[in-house]
Amino acid sequence: SLFDVLVIDECAQSIEPQCWIAIQHAKKLVMAGDHKQLDPTVKSVEAGEQGLSQSIFERVMQFKGPKTSTMLVEQYRMNEAIM
C-alpha cells in the first residue's frame, strides 16, 4: 500500500470506479459525506441503469448499515447563527 489512510470527502457524490483506484492502495479508508443528499453525477442513462448512479458510500451504508457510520456532532462549515 502507498497510503496509511485514505480520506474520500463527499464520497456519496463520487462514482464507485473512481474510488476503487485509490482504495486498493490504502491500508485504511475513511469516507465522508451524506448518502441522503446529492447522488453521483452520471450523464449517461445507460451507465446509471448499469449501477454507476449508486456511490460506494451508499452501497456500504446499505450493506453494512449504521454500525459502520458515525454522525458528526460538530459543525465546522456553517456559521453558528445560520445553523
N, C-alpha and C. Protein backbone atom coordinates (compact mmCIF):
# COMPACT_ATOMS: atom_id res chain seq x y z
N SER A 1 0.84 -1.21 0.00
CA SER A 1 0.00 0.00 0.00
C SER A 1 0.87 1.25 0.00
N LEU A 2 0.35 2.25 -0.66
CA LEU A 2 1.01 3.55 -0.71
C LEU A 2 0.59 4.46 0.43
N PHE A 3 -0.65 4.34 0.87
CA PHE A 3 -1.22 5.25 1.86
C PHE A 3 -1.57 4.52 3.14
N ASP A 4 -1.27 5.15 4.28
CA ASP A 4 -1.72 4.60 5.56
C ASP A 4 -3.23 4.80 5.70
N VAL A 5 -3.69 6.02 5.36
CA VAL A 5 -5.11 6.35 5.45
C VAL A 5 -5.52 7.11 4.20
N LEU A 6 -6.64 6.72 3.65
CA LEU A 6 -7.23 7.42 2.51
C LEU A 6 -8.54 8.03 2.96
N VAL A 7 -8.71 9.34 2.79
CA VAL A 7 -9.95 10.03 3.13
C VAL A 7 -10.59 10.48 1.82
N ILE A 8 -11.82 10.03 1.59
CA ILE A 8 -12.56 10.45 0.41
C ILE A 8 -13.70 11.35 0.91
N ASP A 9 -13.55 12.65 0.69
CA ASP A 9 -14.56 13.62 1.10
C ASP A 9 -15.66 13.66 0.05
N GLU A 10 -16.87 13.91 0.47
CA GLU A 10 -18.05 13.91 -0.41
C GLU A 10 -18.12 12.60 -1.21
N CYS A 11 -17.81 11.53 -0.53
CA CYS A 11 -17.78 10.21 -1.17
C CYS A 11 -19.13 9.80 -1.75
N ALA A 12 -20.20 10.30 -1.17
CA ALA A 12 -21.53 9.95 -1.66
C ALA A 12 -21.82 10.53 -3.04
N GLN A 13 -20.98 11.46 -3.49
CA GLN A 13 -21.17 12.07 -4.81
C GLN A 13 -20.18 11.52 -5.83
N SER A 14 -19.35 10.59 -5.42
CA SER A 14 -18.34 10.02 -6.32
C SER A 14 -18.86 8.72 -6.92
N ILE A 15 -18.56 8.52 -8.19
CA ILE A 15 -18.93 7.23 -8.77
C ILE A 15 -17.94 6.17 -8.26
N GLU A 16 -18.42 4.97 -8.11
CA GLU A 16 -17.65 3.90 -7.47
C GLU A 16 -16.30 3.61 -8.13
N PRO A 17 -16.20 3.50 -9.45
CA PRO A 17 -14.90 3.18 -10.05
C PRO A 17 -13.81 4.21 -9.72
N GLN A 18 -14.18 5.46 -9.56
CA GLN A 18 -13.19 6.48 -9.18
C GLN A 18 -12.58 6.15 -7.83
N CYS A 19 -13.38 5.70 -6.91
CA CYS A 19 -12.92 5.42 -5.56
C CYS A 19 -12.03 4.18 -5.49
N TRP A 20 -12.37 3.15 -6.25
CA TRP A 20 -11.63 1.89 -6.17
C TRP A 20 -10.17 2.03 -6.57
N ILE A 21 -9.86 2.94 -7.45
CA ILE A 21 -8.47 3.11 -7.88
C ILE A 21 -7.59 3.46 -6.68
N ALA A 22 -8.02 4.41 -5.88
CA ALA A 22 -7.24 4.82 -4.71
C ALA A 22 -7.36 3.83 -3.55
N ILE A 23 -8.56 3.27 -3.35
CA ILE A 23 -8.80 2.36 -2.22
C ILE A 23 -7.86 1.17 -2.24
N GLN A 24 -7.57 0.64 -3.40
CA GLN A 24 -6.72 -0.54 -3.47
C GLN A 24 -5.28 -0.27 -3.01
N HIS A 25 -4.94 1.01 -2.82
CA HIS A 25 -3.58 1.37 -2.39
C HIS A 25 -3.55 1.93 -0.97
N ALA A 26 -4.60 1.69 -0.19
CA ALA A 26 -4.66 2.24 1.16
C ALA A 26 -4.87 1.15 2.19
N LYS A 27 -4.27 1.35 3.37
CA LYS A 27 -4.45 0.41 4.47
C LYS A 27 -5.78 0.64 5.18
N LYS A 28 -6.20 1.89 5.25
CA LYS A 28 -7.43 2.24 5.95
C LYS A 28 -8.18 3.27 5.13
N LEU A 29 -9.51 3.19 5.16
CA LEU A 29 -10.35 4.09 4.37
C LEU A 29 -11.32 4.83 5.27
N VAL A 30 -11.41 6.14 5.08
CA VAL A 30 -12.41 6.96 5.75
C VAL A 30 -13.22 7.65 4.66
N MET A 31 -14.53 7.40 4.66
CA MET A 31 -15.41 8.03 3.68
C MET A 31 -16.25 9.07 4.40
N ALA A 32 -16.30 10.27 3.85
CA ALA A 32 -17.10 11.35 4.43
C ALA A 32 -18.15 11.78 3.42
N GLY A 33 -19.33 12.06 3.89
CA GLY A 33 -20.39 12.50 3.01
C GLY A 33 -21.75 12.16 3.57
N ASP A 34 -22.77 12.44 2.80
CA ASP A 34 -24.14 12.16 3.21
C ASP A 34 -24.86 11.50 2.04
N HIS A 35 -25.12 10.22 2.16
CA HIS A 35 -25.75 9.46 1.08
C HIS A 35 -27.22 9.83 0.90
N LYS A 36 -27.75 10.69 1.76
CA LYS A 36 -29.14 11.14 1.64
C LYS A 36 -29.22 12.49 0.90
N GLN A 37 -28.07 13.05 0.52
CA GLN A 37 -28.07 14.33 -0.18
C GLN A 37 -27.95 14.10 -1.69
N LEU A 38 -26.88 14.57 -2.30
CA LEU A 38 -26.71 14.50 -3.75
C LEU A 38 -26.15 13.16 -4.19
N ASP A 39 -26.70 12.63 -5.26
CA ASP A 39 -26.18 11.40 -5.86
C ASP A 39 -24.98 11.72 -6.74
N PRO A 40 -24.22 10.72 -7.16
CA PRO A 40 -23.15 10.95 -8.12
C PRO A 40 -23.72 11.51 -9.43
N THR A 41 -22.95 12.35 -10.08
CA THR A 41 -23.37 12.89 -11.37
C THR A 41 -22.99 11.90 -12.46
N VAL A 42 -24.00 11.31 -13.07
CA VAL A 42 -23.79 10.35 -14.15
C VAL A 42 -24.62 10.82 -15.33
N LYS A 43 -23.97 11.25 -16.38
CA LYS A 43 -24.68 11.82 -17.54
C LYS A 43 -25.26 10.76 -18.45
N SER A 44 -24.71 9.58 -18.44
CA SER A 44 -25.18 8.50 -19.31
C SER A 44 -26.32 7.74 -18.63
N VAL A 45 -27.47 7.71 -19.26
CA VAL A 45 -28.61 6.97 -18.74
C VAL A 45 -28.26 5.48 -18.63
N GLU A 46 -27.61 4.98 -19.66
CA GLU A 46 -27.22 3.57 -19.67
C GLU A 46 -26.28 3.23 -18.51
N ALA A 47 -25.30 4.09 -18.26
CA ALA A 47 -24.37 3.86 -17.15
C ALA A 47 -25.10 3.89 -15.81
N GLY A 48 -26.04 4.81 -15.68
CA GLY A 48 -26.84 4.89 -14.46
C GLY A 48 -27.65 3.63 -14.25
N GLU A 49 -28.24 3.12 -15.31
CA GLU A 49 -29.03 1.89 -15.23
C GLU A 49 -28.15 0.68 -14.92
N GLN A 50 -26.88 0.75 -15.28
CA GLN A 50 -25.95 -0.35 -15.02
C GLN A 50 -25.38 -0.30 -13.59
N GLY A 51 -25.75 0.72 -12.81
CA GLY A 51 -25.33 0.78 -11.42
C GLY A 51 -24.40 1.91 -11.05
N LEU A 52 -23.94 2.68 -12.02
CA LEU A 52 -22.99 3.75 -11.69
C LEU A 52 -23.64 4.93 -10.99
N SER A 53 -24.95 4.98 -10.92
CA SER A 53 -25.60 6.08 -10.22
C SER A 53 -25.61 5.87 -8.71
N GLN A 54 -25.15 4.72 -8.26
CA GLN A 54 -25.04 4.46 -6.82
C GLN A 54 -23.58 4.59 -6.41
N SER A 55 -23.32 5.39 -5.39
CA SER A 55 -21.95 5.59 -4.93
C SER A 55 -21.51 4.42 -4.06
N ILE A 56 -20.21 4.29 -3.89
CA ILE A 56 -19.69 3.25 -2.99
C ILE A 56 -20.13 3.54 -1.56
N PHE A 57 -20.24 4.82 -1.22
CA PHE A 57 -20.70 5.23 0.11
C PHE A 57 -22.10 4.69 0.37
N GLU A 58 -23.00 4.87 -0.59
CA GLU A 58 -24.38 4.39 -0.45
C GLU A 58 -24.41 2.86 -0.38
N ARG A 59 -23.61 2.22 -1.19
CA ARG A 59 -23.56 0.76 -1.19
C ARG A 59 -23.11 0.22 0.17
N VAL A 60 -22.11 0.84 0.76
CA VAL A 60 -21.62 0.41 2.08
C VAL A 60 -22.70 0.64 3.13
N MET A 61 -23.39 1.78 3.06
CA MET A 61 -24.44 2.06 4.04
C MET A 61 -25.59 1.04 3.93
N GLN A 62 -25.92 0.61 2.73
CA GLN A 62 -26.98 -0.38 2.55
C GLN A 62 -26.52 -1.76 3.03
N PHE A 63 -25.27 -2.09 2.77
CA PHE A 63 -24.76 -3.41 3.10
C PHE A 63 -24.44 -3.55 4.59
N LYS A 64 -23.70 -2.58 5.12
CA LYS A 64 -23.22 -2.65 6.50
C LYS A 64 -24.15 -1.93 7.47
N GLY A 65 -24.85 -0.91 7.00
CA GLY A 65 -25.79 -0.18 7.84
C GLY A 65 -25.13 0.77 8.82
N PRO A 66 -25.91 1.26 9.77
CA PRO A 66 -25.45 2.29 10.71
C PRO A 66 -24.25 1.92 11.56
N LYS A 67 -24.02 0.62 11.76
CA LYS A 67 -22.89 0.23 12.61
C LYS A 67 -21.54 0.64 12.01
N THR A 68 -21.49 0.97 10.73
CA THR A 68 -20.24 1.39 10.11
C THR A 68 -20.12 2.90 10.01
N SER A 69 -21.14 3.62 10.47
CA SER A 69 -21.13 5.08 10.30
C SER A 69 -21.09 5.80 11.63
N THR A 70 -20.66 7.05 11.57
CA THR A 70 -20.64 7.93 12.73
C THR A 70 -21.19 9.27 12.30
N MET A 71 -22.17 9.77 13.03
CA MET A 71 -22.72 11.08 12.73
C MET A 71 -21.84 12.13 13.40
N LEU A 72 -21.46 13.13 12.63
CA LEU A 72 -20.65 14.21 13.19
C LEU A 72 -21.49 15.04 14.15
N VAL A 73 -20.89 15.45 15.25
CA VAL A 73 -21.62 16.23 16.24
C VAL A 73 -21.19 17.70 16.25
N GLU A 74 -20.14 18.01 15.55
CA GLU A 74 -19.63 19.38 15.50
C GLU A 74 -19.73 19.90 14.07
N GLN A 75 -20.30 21.09 13.92
CA GLN A 75 -20.45 21.71 12.61
C GLN A 75 -19.29 22.69 12.40
N TYR A 76 -18.48 22.45 11.39
CA TYR A 76 -17.31 23.29 11.14
C TYR A 76 -17.50 24.21 9.94
N ARG A 77 -18.45 23.92 9.07
CA ARG A 77 -18.57 24.65 7.82
C ARG A 77 -19.56 25.80 7.84
N MET A 78 -20.45 25.83 8.80
CA MET A 78 -21.53 26.80 8.77
C MET A 78 -21.44 27.74 9.98
N ASN A 79 -21.71 29.01 9.74
CA ASN A 79 -21.75 29.99 10.81
C ASN A 79 -22.81 29.60 11.83
N GLU A 80 -22.51 29.79 13.11
CA GLU A 80 -23.40 29.37 14.18
C GLU A 80 -24.79 30.02 14.09
N ALA A 81 -24.86 31.27 13.68
CA ALA A 81 -26.15 31.98 13.57
C ALA A 81 -27.03 31.34 12.49
N ILE A 82 -26.44 30.80 11.43
CA ILE A 82 -27.19 30.16 10.35
C ILE A 82 -27.69 28.78 10.76
N MET A 83 -26.89 28.07 11.58
CA MET A 83 -27.27 26.73 11.99
C MET A 83 -28.57 26.76 12.74
